């Protein structure tokens, strides 16, 4: 199957309320344009320099998401054009995003990354850490960021029970934070969980946004 057929098949199977982020890391501008020309406009990248190069070469009405670990010293490069940063895993990073958003006279939407996987290589807050941050004066003073939800990655495993439990944990944390910190914030509505290997489970557990790469574009062009 080709990229267009992959995308059409995937979209035909998704509930209407699910946002699809086409994860285009390692893929060419030509590949991205092939998807863009179908009318799909939400794409995700995870390497800053590659991201900037693609932004400069592609249509400006694309909704760009940064997905994955973002170093604080790289925020300035994507701040002018980023639509959503998925994976804010520390107060320090959020402060840098706020700073760079202010310099660009904009508000940057962010998802807080919650660590739900058994793997230590994954990043993110635990529940107590995120509560502490949301109660902090440092967080409350930020004027140029908007928390629009949570994101998380399940353990890389073939055990569906583990994946279900981790996604359910993330949904429970989302519900708790919505009730206790964002009850008057309608923008706190996104739960980004689910990738090519586990998105069906994520949707059953309450995901509103999935991040799909290989199911659309095929395998990566190179390691990253």
N, C-alpha and C. Protein backbone atom coordinates (compact mmCIF):
# COMPACT_ATOMS: atom_id res chain seq x y z
N UNK A 1 0.84 -1.21 0.00
CA UNK A 1 0.00 0.00 0.00
C UNK A 1 0.87 1.25 0.00
N UNK A 2 0.39 2.33 -0.62
CA UNK A 2 1.16 3.57 -0.61
C UNK A 2 0.69 4.50 0.50
N UNK A 3 1.34 5.64 0.61
CA UNK A 3 1.05 6.58 1.69
C UNK A 3 -0.41 7.02 1.68
N UNK A 4 -0.92 7.36 0.52
CA UNK A 4 -2.30 7.85 0.42
C UNK A 4 -3.29 6.76 0.82
N UNK A 5 -3.04 5.54 0.38
CA UNK A 5 -3.93 4.43 0.73
C UNK A 5 -3.84 4.15 2.23
N UNK A 6 -2.64 4.20 2.78
CA UNK A 6 -2.47 3.99 4.23
C UNK A 6 -3.27 5.02 5.02
N UNK A 7 -3.15 6.28 4.62
CA UNK A 7 -3.84 7.36 5.33
C UNK A 7 -5.35 7.21 5.22
N UNK A 8 -5.84 6.92 4.04
CA UNK A 8 -7.28 6.77 3.83
C UNK A 8 -7.84 5.63 4.66
N UNK A 9 -7.13 4.52 4.69
CA UNK A 9 -7.59 3.37 5.47
C UNK A 9 -7.63 3.70 6.95
N UNK A 10 -6.57 4.34 7.43
CA UNK A 10 -6.52 4.71 8.84
C UNK A 10 -7.66 5.66 9.21
N UNK A 11 -7.86 6.70 8.42
CA UNK A 11 -8.90 7.67 8.73
C UNK A 11 -10.29 7.06 8.68
N UNK A 12 -10.48 6.09 7.80
CA UNK A 12 -11.80 5.46 7.69
C UNK A 12 -12.15 4.65 8.93
N UNK A 13 -11.12 4.26 9.68
CA UNK A 13 -11.33 3.43 10.87
C UNK A 13 -11.41 4.24 12.16
N UNK A 14 -11.08 5.53 12.09
CA UNK A 14 -11.01 6.33 13.32
C UNK A 14 -12.35 6.95 13.67
N UNK A 15 -12.70 6.99 14.96
CA UNK A 15 -13.88 7.76 15.39
C UNK A 15 -13.70 9.23 15.02
N UNK A 16 -14.79 9.93 14.80
CA UNK A 16 -14.74 11.31 14.34
C UNK A 16 -14.07 12.25 15.33
N UNK A 17 -14.11 11.90 16.62
CA UNK A 17 -13.56 12.80 17.63
C UNK A 17 -12.06 12.67 17.81
N UNK A 18 -11.42 11.77 17.09
CA UNK A 18 -9.99 11.53 17.26
C UNK A 18 -9.18 12.40 16.31
N UNK A 19 -8.25 13.18 16.87
CA UNK A 19 -7.33 13.96 16.04
C UNK A 19 -6.14 13.09 15.67
N UNK A 20 -5.78 13.15 14.41
CA UNK A 20 -4.67 12.35 13.91
C UNK A 20 -3.47 13.24 13.64
N UNK A 21 -2.37 12.95 14.34
CA UNK A 21 -1.11 13.64 14.07
C UNK A 21 -0.26 12.71 13.20
N UNK A 22 0.04 13.14 12.00
CA UNK A 22 0.90 12.35 11.11
C UNK A 22 2.35 12.62 11.49
N UNK A 23 2.99 11.63 12.10
CA UNK A 23 4.35 11.80 12.59
C UNK A 23 5.32 11.62 11.43
N UNK A 24 5.89 12.74 11.01
CA UNK A 24 6.65 12.78 9.76
C UNK A 24 8.16 12.83 9.97
N UNK A 25 8.62 12.55 11.18
CA UNK A 25 10.06 12.54 11.44
C UNK A 25 10.75 11.54 10.51
N UNK A 26 11.87 11.94 10.00
CA UNK A 26 12.72 11.20 9.06
C UNK A 26 12.14 11.15 7.64
N UNK A 27 10.94 11.67 7.45
CA UNK A 27 10.32 11.61 6.13
C UNK A 27 10.62 12.87 5.32
N UNK A 28 10.56 12.73 4.02
CA UNK A 28 10.94 13.82 3.14
C UNK A 28 9.82 14.84 2.99
N UNK A 29 10.19 16.02 2.49
CA UNK A 29 9.20 17.04 2.17
C UNK A 29 8.20 16.49 1.15
N UNK A 30 8.69 15.73 0.20
CA UNK A 30 7.81 15.12 -0.81
C UNK A 30 6.77 14.21 -0.16
N UNK A 31 7.20 13.39 0.80
CA UNK A 31 6.26 12.51 1.51
C UNK A 31 5.21 13.31 2.25
N UNK A 32 5.66 14.37 2.94
CA UNK A 32 4.73 15.19 3.72
C UNK A 32 3.73 15.89 2.80
N UNK A 33 4.22 16.39 1.68
CA UNK A 33 3.31 17.05 0.73
C UNK A 33 2.28 16.08 0.18
N UNK A 34 2.66 14.84 0.03
CA UNK A 34 1.72 13.83 -0.48
C UNK A 34 0.54 13.70 0.48
N UNK A 35 0.84 13.71 1.78
CA UNK A 35 -0.23 13.65 2.79
C UNK A 35 -0.98 14.98 2.86
N UNK A 36 -0.23 16.07 2.86
CA UNK A 36 -0.83 17.41 2.92
C UNK A 36 -1.83 17.63 1.79
N UNK A 37 -1.51 17.15 0.62
CA UNK A 37 -2.36 17.39 -0.55
C UNK A 37 -3.68 16.62 -0.49
N UNK A 38 -3.81 15.70 0.45
CA UNK A 38 -5.10 15.04 0.68
C UNK A 38 -6.01 15.90 1.55
N UNK A 39 -5.45 16.97 2.12
CA UNK A 39 -6.21 17.82 3.03
C UNK A 39 -5.82 17.68 4.48
N UNK A 40 -4.92 16.75 4.76
CA UNK A 40 -4.47 16.56 6.14
C UNK A 40 -3.40 17.60 6.48
N UNK A 41 -3.56 18.27 7.65
CA UNK A 41 -2.67 19.39 7.94
C UNK A 41 -2.00 19.33 9.32
N UNK A 42 -2.13 18.22 10.04
CA UNK A 42 -1.49 18.12 11.36
C UNK A 42 -0.34 17.14 11.27
N UNK A 43 0.88 17.66 11.53
CA UNK A 43 2.08 16.85 11.43
C UNK A 43 2.93 17.01 12.69
N UNK A 44 3.69 15.96 13.01
CA UNK A 44 4.53 15.97 14.20
C UNK A 44 5.98 15.66 13.87
N UNK A 45 6.89 16.39 14.50
CA UNK A 45 8.33 16.18 14.33
C UNK A 45 8.99 16.10 15.70
N UNK A 46 10.22 15.53 15.74
CA UNK A 46 10.90 15.41 17.04
C UNK A 46 12.38 15.79 17.02
N UNK A 47 12.88 16.25 15.88
CA UNK A 47 14.26 16.72 15.79
C UNK A 47 14.23 18.17 15.34
N UNK A 48 14.78 19.07 16.16
CA UNK A 48 14.57 20.50 15.94
C UNK A 48 15.12 20.97 14.60
N UNK A 49 16.35 20.62 14.26
CA UNK A 49 16.91 21.14 13.01
C UNK A 49 16.16 20.61 11.80
N UNK A 50 15.85 19.32 11.81
CA UNK A 50 15.05 18.74 10.72
C UNK A 50 13.70 19.44 10.63
N UNK A 51 13.12 19.71 11.79
CA UNK A 51 11.82 20.37 11.90
C UNK A 51 11.87 21.76 11.25
N UNK A 52 12.86 22.55 11.62
CA UNK A 52 12.99 23.91 11.10
C UNK A 52 13.17 23.89 9.58
N UNK A 53 13.99 22.98 9.10
CA UNK A 53 14.22 22.87 7.65
C UNK A 53 12.92 22.55 6.92
N UNK A 54 12.14 21.63 7.47
CA UNK A 54 10.88 21.26 6.83
C UNK A 54 9.87 22.41 6.88
N UNK A 55 9.81 23.09 8.02
CA UNK A 55 8.90 24.23 8.13
C UNK A 55 9.15 25.25 7.03
N UNK A 56 10.42 25.52 6.79
CA UNK A 56 10.77 26.54 5.79
C UNK A 56 10.41 26.11 4.38
N UNK A 57 10.29 24.81 4.16
CA UNK A 57 10.05 24.28 2.81
C UNK A 57 8.60 23.94 2.53
N UNK A 58 7.75 24.01 3.53
CA UNK A 58 6.39 23.49 3.39
C UNK A 58 5.35 24.58 3.59
N UNK A 59 4.09 24.33 3.18
CA UNK A 59 3.03 25.33 3.32
C UNK A 59 2.87 25.80 4.76
N UNK A 60 2.52 27.05 4.91
CA UNK A 60 2.50 27.68 6.23
C UNK A 60 1.18 27.48 6.98
N UNK A 61 0.24 26.77 6.37
CA UNK A 61 -1.00 26.49 7.11
C UNK A 61 -0.98 25.11 7.76
N UNK A 62 0.19 24.47 7.76
CA UNK A 62 0.34 23.21 8.48
C UNK A 62 0.30 23.48 9.98
N UNK A 63 -0.37 22.62 10.72
CA UNK A 63 -0.39 22.68 12.18
C UNK A 63 0.73 21.76 12.69
N UNK A 64 1.80 22.37 13.17
CA UNK A 64 2.98 21.62 13.58
C UNK A 64 2.96 21.28 15.06
N UNK A 65 3.22 20.03 15.37
CA UNK A 65 3.37 19.58 16.76
C UNK A 65 4.81 19.12 16.96
N UNK A 66 5.39 19.50 18.09
CA UNK A 66 6.68 18.91 18.46
C UNK A 66 6.38 17.77 19.43
N UNK A 67 6.91 16.59 19.11
CA UNK A 67 6.62 15.39 19.90
C UNK A 67 7.92 14.82 20.42
N UNK A 68 7.96 14.54 21.71
CA UNK A 68 9.16 13.93 22.26
C UNK A 68 9.96 14.88 23.12
N UNK A 69 11.15 14.45 23.46
CA UNK A 69 12.00 15.21 24.39
C UNK A 69 12.53 16.47 23.72
N UNK A 70 12.25 17.61 24.32
CA UNK A 70 12.67 18.91 23.79
C UNK A 70 13.66 19.55 24.77
N UNK A 71 14.87 19.81 24.29
CA UNK A 71 15.87 20.47 25.12
C UNK A 71 15.54 21.95 25.24
N UNK A 72 15.78 22.52 26.42
CA UNK A 72 15.41 23.92 26.65
C UNK A 72 16.13 24.86 25.68
N UNK A 73 17.38 24.53 25.34
CA UNK A 73 18.13 25.43 24.46
C UNK A 73 17.69 25.36 23.00
N UNK A 74 16.74 24.50 22.69
CA UNK A 74 16.23 24.38 21.32
C UNK A 74 14.84 25.03 21.15
N UNK A 75 14.23 25.41 22.26
CA UNK A 75 12.87 25.95 22.18
C UNK A 75 12.80 27.18 21.28
N UNK A 76 13.82 28.04 21.36
CA UNK A 76 13.81 29.30 20.62
C UNK A 76 13.69 29.09 19.11
N UNK A 77 14.15 27.96 18.61
CA UNK A 77 14.14 27.72 17.17
C UNK A 77 12.75 27.38 16.64
N UNK A 78 11.91 26.77 17.48
CA UNK A 78 10.57 26.37 17.01
C UNK A 78 9.46 27.28 17.53
N UNK A 79 9.78 28.13 18.51
CA UNK A 79 8.75 28.98 19.12
C UNK A 79 7.99 29.84 18.12
N UNK A 80 8.65 30.39 17.08
CA UNK A 80 7.91 31.27 16.18
C UNK A 80 6.77 30.60 15.42
N UNK A 81 6.84 29.29 15.21
CA UNK A 81 5.83 28.66 14.34
C UNK A 81 5.14 27.45 14.94
N UNK A 82 5.53 27.01 16.10
CA UNK A 82 4.95 25.79 16.67
C UNK A 82 3.49 26.01 17.05
N UNK A 83 2.65 25.00 16.84
CA UNK A 83 1.25 25.06 17.26
C UNK A 83 1.01 24.37 18.59
N UNK A 84 1.71 23.26 18.81
CA UNK A 84 1.51 22.50 20.06
C UNK A 84 2.80 21.77 20.39
N UNK A 85 3.23 21.91 21.64
CA UNK A 85 4.37 21.14 22.12
C UNK A 85 3.85 19.98 22.95
N UNK A 86 4.01 18.79 22.42
CA UNK A 86 3.61 17.59 23.14
C UNK A 86 4.83 17.05 23.87
N UNK A 87 4.72 16.94 25.14
CA UNK A 87 5.81 16.35 25.88
C UNK A 87 6.53 17.31 26.80
N UNK A 88 5.82 18.25 27.42
CA UNK A 88 6.45 19.14 28.40
C UNK A 88 6.59 18.35 29.70
N UNK A 89 7.84 18.06 30.06
CA UNK A 89 8.05 17.13 31.18
C UNK A 89 8.69 17.76 32.40
N UNK A 90 8.86 19.11 32.41
CA UNK A 90 9.47 19.75 33.57
C UNK A 90 9.04 21.21 33.66
N UNK A 91 9.09 21.74 34.86
CA UNK A 91 8.80 23.16 35.06
C UNK A 91 9.83 24.01 34.33
N UNK A 92 11.08 23.60 34.33
CA UNK A 92 12.14 24.34 33.65
C UNK A 92 11.83 24.50 32.17
N UNK A 93 11.40 23.42 31.53
CA UNK A 93 11.06 23.49 30.11
C UNK A 93 9.86 24.40 29.88
N UNK A 94 8.87 24.30 30.74
CA UNK A 94 7.68 25.14 30.60
C UNK A 94 8.04 26.61 30.75
N UNK A 95 8.94 26.92 31.66
CA UNK A 95 9.38 28.31 31.84
C UNK A 95 10.09 28.83 30.59
N UNK A 96 10.89 27.98 29.96
CA UNK A 96 11.59 28.40 28.74
C UNK A 96 10.60 28.61 27.59
N UNK A 97 9.62 27.73 27.50
CA UNK A 97 8.59 27.90 26.47
C UNK A 97 7.84 29.20 26.68
N UNK A 98 7.49 29.49 27.92
CA UNK A 98 6.80 30.74 28.25
C UNK A 98 7.64 31.95 27.86
N UNK A 99 8.93 31.89 28.16
CA UNK A 99 9.86 32.98 27.82
C UNK A 99 9.92 33.21 26.31
N UNK A 100 10.09 32.13 25.55
CA UNK A 100 10.22 32.26 24.10
C UNK A 100 8.88 32.63 23.45
N UNK A 101 7.79 32.18 24.02
CA UNK A 101 6.48 32.58 23.52
C UNK A 101 6.27 34.08 23.71
N UNK A 102 6.67 34.58 24.86
CA UNK A 102 6.55 36.01 25.14
C UNK A 102 7.37 36.83 24.15
N UNK A 103 8.57 36.36 23.85
CA UNK A 103 9.43 37.07 22.90
C UNK A 103 8.83 37.11 21.51
N UNK A 104 7.99 36.13 21.20
CA UNK A 104 7.33 36.07 19.89
C UNK A 104 5.90 36.60 19.92
N UNK A 105 5.53 37.22 21.05
CA UNK A 105 4.19 37.81 21.20
C UNK A 105 3.08 36.82 20.88
N UNK A 106 3.21 35.62 21.48
CA UNK A 106 2.20 34.60 21.23
C UNK A 106 2.01 33.76 22.48
N UNK A 107 1.00 32.93 22.44
CA UNK A 107 0.77 31.93 23.48
C UNK A 107 0.99 30.56 22.84
N UNK A 108 1.80 29.73 23.48
CA UNK A 108 2.10 28.41 22.94
C UNK A 108 1.31 27.36 23.71
N UNK A 109 0.57 26.54 22.97
CA UNK A 109 -0.18 25.44 23.57
C UNK A 109 0.76 24.29 23.92
N UNK A 110 0.51 23.68 25.07
CA UNK A 110 1.38 22.61 25.57
C UNK A 110 0.55 21.47 26.14
N UNK A 111 1.08 20.27 25.98
CA UNK A 111 0.58 19.10 26.69
C UNK A 111 1.62 18.69 27.73
N UNK A 112 1.18 18.43 28.94
CA UNK A 112 2.09 17.94 29.97
C UNK A 112 2.30 16.44 29.77
N UNK A 113 3.54 16.03 29.76
CA UNK A 113 3.84 14.61 29.57
C UNK A 113 3.86 13.90 30.92
N UNK A 114 3.08 12.83 31.01
CA UNK A 114 2.99 12.04 32.24
C UNK A 114 3.72 10.72 32.01
N UNK A 115 4.56 10.35 32.95
CA UNK A 115 5.33 9.10 32.84
C UNK A 115 4.46 7.95 33.33
N UNK A 116 4.04 7.11 32.39
CA UNK A 116 3.19 5.98 32.77
C UNK A 116 3.86 4.64 32.46
N UNK A 117 4.92 4.66 31.66
CA UNK A 117 5.56 3.42 31.21
C UNK A 117 6.48 2.85 32.27
N UNK A 118 6.76 1.56 32.14
CA UNK A 118 7.70 0.91 33.05
C UNK A 118 9.14 1.22 32.69
N UNK A 119 9.36 1.77 31.50
CA UNK A 119 10.71 2.02 31.01
C UNK A 119 11.25 3.34 31.56
N UNK A 120 12.47 3.31 32.09
CA UNK A 120 13.09 4.52 32.63
C UNK A 120 13.49 5.49 31.53
N UNK A 121 13.56 5.03 30.29
CA UNK A 121 13.98 5.90 29.20
C UNK A 121 12.89 6.89 28.80
N UNK A 122 11.67 6.67 29.23
CA UNK A 122 10.59 7.59 28.94
C UNK A 122 10.66 8.77 29.91
N UNK A 123 10.23 9.95 29.44
CA UNK A 123 10.24 11.15 30.24
C UNK A 123 8.84 11.44 30.78
N UNK A 124 8.75 12.40 31.73
CA UNK A 124 7.45 12.86 32.17
C UNK A 124 7.31 13.02 33.67
N UNK A 125 6.27 13.76 34.05
CA UNK A 125 5.90 13.94 35.45
C UNK A 125 5.21 12.68 35.97
N UNK A 126 5.33 12.43 37.26
CA UNK A 126 4.37 11.53 37.89
C UNK A 126 3.23 12.39 38.45
N UNK A 127 2.21 11.76 38.98
CA UNK A 127 1.02 12.51 39.40
C UNK A 127 1.36 13.53 40.47
N UNK A 128 2.16 13.16 41.46
CA UNK A 128 2.49 14.09 42.53
C UNK A 128 3.31 15.27 42.03
N UNK A 129 4.20 15.00 41.10
CA UNK A 129 5.04 16.07 40.55
C UNK A 129 4.21 17.08 39.77
N UNK A 130 3.25 16.61 39.01
CA UNK A 130 2.47 17.54 38.21
C UNK A 130 1.54 18.35 39.11
N UNK A 131 1.02 17.76 40.16
CA UNK A 131 0.21 18.51 41.13
C UNK A 131 1.05 19.60 41.78
N UNK A 132 2.25 19.26 42.19
CA UNK A 132 3.15 20.23 42.81
C UNK A 132 3.43 21.39 41.86
N UNK A 133 3.68 21.09 40.61
CA UNK A 133 3.97 22.15 39.64
C UNK A 133 2.76 23.05 39.43
N UNK A 134 1.59 22.45 39.27
CA UNK A 134 0.39 23.25 39.01
C UNK A 134 0.01 24.13 40.20
N UNK A 135 0.47 23.76 41.38
CA UNK A 135 0.23 24.58 42.58
C UNK A 135 1.30 25.64 42.80
N UNK A 136 2.36 25.60 42.02
CA UNK A 136 3.51 26.48 42.26
C UNK A 136 3.23 27.90 41.76
N UNK A 137 3.85 28.86 42.42
CA UNK A 137 3.72 30.25 41.99
C UNK A 137 4.40 30.46 40.65
N UNK A 138 5.47 29.70 40.39
CA UNK A 138 6.17 29.83 39.11
C UNK A 138 5.23 29.50 37.94
N UNK A 139 4.48 28.43 38.10
CA UNK A 139 3.53 28.06 37.05
C UNK A 139 2.42 29.11 36.92
N UNK A 140 1.88 29.52 38.04
CA UNK A 140 0.75 30.44 38.02
C UNK A 140 1.11 31.80 37.43
N UNK A 141 2.39 32.14 37.43
CA UNK A 141 2.81 33.44 36.91
C UNK A 141 2.99 33.45 35.39
N UNK A 142 2.95 32.29 34.76
CA UNK A 142 3.21 32.22 33.31
C UNK A 142 1.99 32.73 32.53
N UNK A 143 2.25 33.63 31.60
CA UNK A 143 1.18 34.25 30.82
C UNK A 143 1.17 33.84 29.36
N UNK A 144 2.21 33.15 28.91
CA UNK A 144 2.33 32.89 27.47
C UNK A 144 2.31 31.40 27.11
N UNK A 145 1.84 30.58 28.03
CA UNK A 145 1.62 29.17 27.73
C UNK A 145 0.18 28.82 28.07
N UNK A 146 -0.34 27.81 27.39
CA UNK A 146 -1.68 27.31 27.67
C UNK A 146 -1.62 25.79 27.71
N UNK A 147 -1.98 25.23 28.86
CA UNK A 147 -2.00 23.77 29.00
C UNK A 147 -3.32 23.26 28.44
N UNK A 148 -3.21 22.49 27.35
CA UNK A 148 -4.43 22.03 26.69
C UNK A 148 -4.71 20.54 26.91
N UNK A 149 -3.87 19.89 27.73
CA UNK A 149 -4.11 18.49 28.03
C UNK A 149 -2.86 17.77 28.43
N UNK A 150 -2.90 16.44 28.29
CA UNK A 150 -1.80 15.57 28.68
C UNK A 150 -1.39 14.68 27.53
N UNK A 151 -0.16 14.18 27.61
CA UNK A 151 0.27 13.13 26.68
C UNK A 151 1.08 12.10 27.44
N UNK A 152 1.15 10.91 26.86
CA UNK A 152 1.93 9.86 27.49
C UNK A 152 2.21 8.74 26.52
N UNK A 153 3.23 7.95 26.84
CA UNK A 153 3.61 6.80 26.02
C UNK A 153 3.61 5.55 26.88
N UNK A 154 2.96 4.51 26.39
CA UNK A 154 2.92 3.25 27.11
C UNK A 154 4.22 2.49 26.93
N UNK A 155 4.42 1.51 27.78
CA UNK A 155 5.57 0.63 27.67
C UNK A 155 5.57 -0.06 26.31
N UNK A 156 6.75 -0.20 25.72
CA UNK A 156 6.86 -0.94 24.46
C UNK A 156 6.81 -2.43 24.78
N UNK A 157 5.65 -3.01 24.56
CA UNK A 157 5.43 -4.41 24.93
C UNK A 157 4.33 -4.98 24.06
N UNK A 158 4.32 -6.31 23.94
CA UNK A 158 3.23 -6.99 23.25
C UNK A 158 2.11 -7.39 24.21
N UNK A 159 2.26 -7.05 25.47
CA UNK A 159 1.26 -7.39 26.49
C UNK A 159 0.19 -6.30 26.53
N UNK A 160 -0.96 -6.57 25.94
CA UNK A 160 -2.02 -5.57 25.88
C UNK A 160 -2.53 -5.15 27.25
N UNK A 161 -2.46 -6.04 28.20
CA UNK A 161 -2.95 -5.71 29.56
C UNK A 161 -2.13 -4.59 30.16
N UNK A 162 -0.82 -4.68 30.00
CA UNK A 162 0.05 -3.62 30.50
C UNK A 162 -0.29 -2.29 29.83
N UNK A 163 -0.47 -2.31 28.53
CA UNK A 163 -0.78 -1.09 27.80
C UNK A 163 -2.12 -0.51 28.24
N UNK A 164 -3.14 -1.37 28.36
CA UNK A 164 -4.45 -0.92 28.86
C UNK A 164 -4.31 -0.25 30.22
N UNK A 165 -3.60 -0.89 31.13
CA UNK A 165 -3.47 -0.35 32.49
C UNK A 165 -2.78 1.00 32.49
N UNK A 166 -1.75 1.14 31.66
CA UNK A 166 -1.02 2.41 31.63
C UNK A 166 -1.85 3.52 31.00
N UNK A 167 -2.56 3.22 29.94
CA UNK A 167 -3.42 4.25 29.34
C UNK A 167 -4.59 4.61 30.26
N UNK A 168 -5.13 3.63 30.97
CA UNK A 168 -6.19 3.93 31.93
C UNK A 168 -5.67 4.80 33.07
N UNK A 169 -4.44 4.55 33.48
CA UNK A 169 -3.82 5.40 34.51
C UNK A 169 -3.72 6.84 34.02
N UNK A 170 -3.30 7.02 32.78
CA UNK A 170 -3.18 8.37 32.22
C UNK A 170 -4.55 9.05 32.13
N UNK A 171 -5.56 8.30 31.72
CA UNK A 171 -6.92 8.87 31.65
C UNK A 171 -7.40 9.27 33.03
N UNK A 172 -7.10 8.47 34.04
CA UNK A 172 -7.51 8.81 35.40
C UNK A 172 -6.83 10.09 35.89
N UNK A 173 -5.54 10.24 35.54
CA UNK A 173 -4.82 11.47 35.93
C UNK A 173 -5.40 12.67 35.19
N UNK A 174 -5.71 12.48 33.91
CA UNK A 174 -6.35 13.56 33.14
C UNK A 174 -7.66 14.00 33.81
N UNK A 175 -8.49 13.04 34.16
CA UNK A 175 -9.78 13.36 34.79
C UNK A 175 -9.58 14.07 36.13
N UNK A 176 -8.60 13.62 36.90
CA UNK A 176 -8.32 14.25 38.20
C UNK A 176 -7.88 15.70 38.01
N UNK A 177 -6.96 15.93 37.08
CA UNK A 177 -6.47 17.29 36.86
C UNK A 177 -7.56 18.19 36.29
N UNK A 178 -8.38 17.64 35.40
CA UNK A 178 -9.49 18.42 34.84
C UNK A 178 -10.41 18.88 35.95
N UNK A 179 -10.74 18.00 36.86
CA UNK A 179 -11.66 18.31 37.95
C UNK A 179 -11.06 19.30 38.94
N UNK A 180 -9.79 19.13 39.27
CA UNK A 180 -9.20 19.89 40.36
C UNK A 180 -8.40 21.12 39.95
N UNK A 181 -7.98 21.19 38.69
CA UNK A 181 -7.16 22.32 38.26
C UNK A 181 -7.68 23.05 37.02
N UNK A 182 -8.45 22.35 36.18
CA UNK A 182 -8.83 22.94 34.90
C UNK A 182 -10.33 22.87 34.66
N UNK A 183 -11.11 22.83 35.71
CA UNK A 183 -12.56 22.67 35.54
C UNK A 183 -13.19 23.84 34.79
N UNK A 184 -12.57 25.01 34.87
CA UNK A 184 -13.09 26.19 34.17
C UNK A 184 -12.31 26.50 32.90
N UNK A 185 -11.47 25.56 32.47
CA UNK A 185 -10.64 25.76 31.28
C UNK A 185 -11.08 24.79 30.18
N UNK A 186 -11.90 25.28 29.26
CA UNK A 186 -12.41 24.40 28.21
C UNK A 186 -11.31 23.90 27.29
N UNK A 187 -10.19 24.65 27.23
CA UNK A 187 -9.10 24.24 26.35
C UNK A 187 -8.38 22.99 26.85
N UNK A 188 -8.52 22.67 28.15
CA UNK A 188 -7.90 21.46 28.69
C UNK A 188 -8.78 20.28 28.29
N UNK A 189 -8.51 19.76 27.10
CA UNK A 189 -9.43 18.77 26.52
C UNK A 189 -8.73 17.64 25.77
N UNK A 190 -7.41 17.76 25.59
CA UNK A 190 -6.71 16.78 24.77
C UNK A 190 -5.98 15.73 25.61
N UNK A 191 -6.15 14.50 25.21
CA UNK A 191 -5.42 13.39 25.82
C UNK A 191 -4.72 12.66 24.68
N UNK A 192 -3.43 12.99 24.51
CA UNK A 192 -2.65 12.44 23.40
C UNK A 192 -1.98 11.16 23.84
N UNK A 193 -2.52 10.04 23.40
CA UNK A 193 -1.92 8.75 23.70
C UNK A 193 -2.30 7.78 22.59
N UNK A 194 -1.33 6.99 22.23
CA UNK A 194 -1.55 6.02 21.16
C UNK A 194 -0.68 6.30 19.95
N UNK A 195 0.11 5.29 19.54
CA UNK A 195 0.94 5.37 18.36
C UNK A 195 0.60 4.19 17.45
N UNK A 196 1.41 3.97 16.42
CA UNK A 196 1.04 2.96 15.42
C UNK A 196 0.76 1.59 16.02
N UNK A 197 1.51 1.21 17.06
CA UNK A 197 1.36 -0.12 17.62
C UNK A 197 0.27 -0.28 18.67
N UNK A 198 -0.24 0.84 19.21
CA UNK A 198 -1.18 0.71 20.33
C UNK A 198 -2.34 1.70 20.29
N UNK A 199 -2.55 2.37 19.15
CA UNK A 199 -3.56 3.43 19.12
C UNK A 199 -4.98 2.90 19.32
N UNK A 200 -5.25 1.66 18.92
CA UNK A 200 -6.60 1.13 19.10
C UNK A 200 -6.93 0.96 20.58
N UNK A 201 -5.94 0.54 21.34
CA UNK A 201 -6.13 0.42 22.79
C UNK A 201 -6.30 1.81 23.39
N UNK A 202 -5.47 2.77 22.94
CA UNK A 202 -5.54 4.13 23.47
C UNK A 202 -6.91 4.74 23.26
N UNK A 203 -7.49 4.53 22.08
CA UNK A 203 -8.81 5.09 21.81
C UNK A 203 -9.86 4.49 22.74
N UNK A 204 -9.78 3.20 23.00
CA UNK A 204 -10.71 2.56 23.94
C UNK A 204 -10.57 3.14 25.34
N UNK A 205 -9.37 3.63 25.67
CA UNK A 205 -9.11 4.16 27.02
C UNK A 205 -9.36 5.67 27.12
N UNK A 206 -9.81 6.29 26.04
CA UNK A 206 -10.20 7.69 26.14
C UNK A 206 -9.31 8.68 25.42
N UNK A 207 -8.41 8.21 24.58
CA UNK A 207 -7.55 9.13 23.83
C UNK A 207 -8.39 10.04 22.94
N UNK A 208 -7.93 11.29 22.79
CA UNK A 208 -8.55 12.21 21.83
C UNK A 208 -7.62 12.52 20.68
N UNK A 209 -6.35 12.10 20.80
CA UNK A 209 -5.34 12.43 19.80
C UNK A 209 -4.34 11.29 19.70
N UNK A 210 -4.09 10.81 18.48
CA UNK A 210 -3.12 9.73 18.30
C UNK A 210 -1.99 10.22 17.40
N UNK A 211 -0.83 9.63 17.60
CA UNK A 211 0.39 10.05 16.89
C UNK A 211 0.87 8.88 16.03
N UNK A 212 0.66 8.98 14.73
CA UNK A 212 0.89 7.83 13.85
C UNK A 212 1.96 8.15 12.80
N UNK A 213 2.99 7.32 12.77
CA UNK A 213 4.04 7.48 11.78
C UNK A 213 4.07 6.35 10.79
N UNK A 214 4.52 5.16 11.22
CA UNK A 214 4.76 4.06 10.29
C UNK A 214 3.48 3.55 9.62
N UNK A 215 2.35 3.66 10.28
CA UNK A 215 1.10 3.21 9.66
C UNK A 215 0.69 4.10 8.49
N UNK A 216 1.27 5.28 8.42
CA UNK A 216 1.02 6.18 7.29
C UNK A 216 2.18 6.15 6.29
N UNK A 217 3.37 6.42 6.81
CA UNK A 217 4.53 6.64 5.95
C UNK A 217 5.38 5.38 5.71
N UNK A 218 5.10 4.33 6.44
CA UNK A 218 5.98 3.17 6.38
C UNK A 218 7.13 3.33 7.36
N UNK A 219 8.10 2.45 7.27
CA UNK A 219 9.23 2.48 8.21
C UNK A 219 10.03 3.77 8.06
N UNK A 220 10.76 4.11 9.12
CA UNK A 220 11.61 5.31 9.09
C UNK A 220 12.66 5.20 7.99
N UNK A 221 13.01 6.35 7.46
CA UNK A 221 14.04 6.40 6.41
C UNK A 221 15.44 6.24 6.99
N UNK A 222 15.61 6.62 8.25
CA UNK A 222 16.88 6.44 8.94
C UNK A 222 16.62 6.46 10.43
N UNK A 223 17.60 6.04 11.20
CA UNK A 223 17.42 5.96 12.65
C UNK A 223 17.47 7.36 13.25
N UNK A 224 16.63 7.57 14.29
CA UNK A 224 16.66 8.82 15.01
C UNK A 224 16.37 8.59 16.46
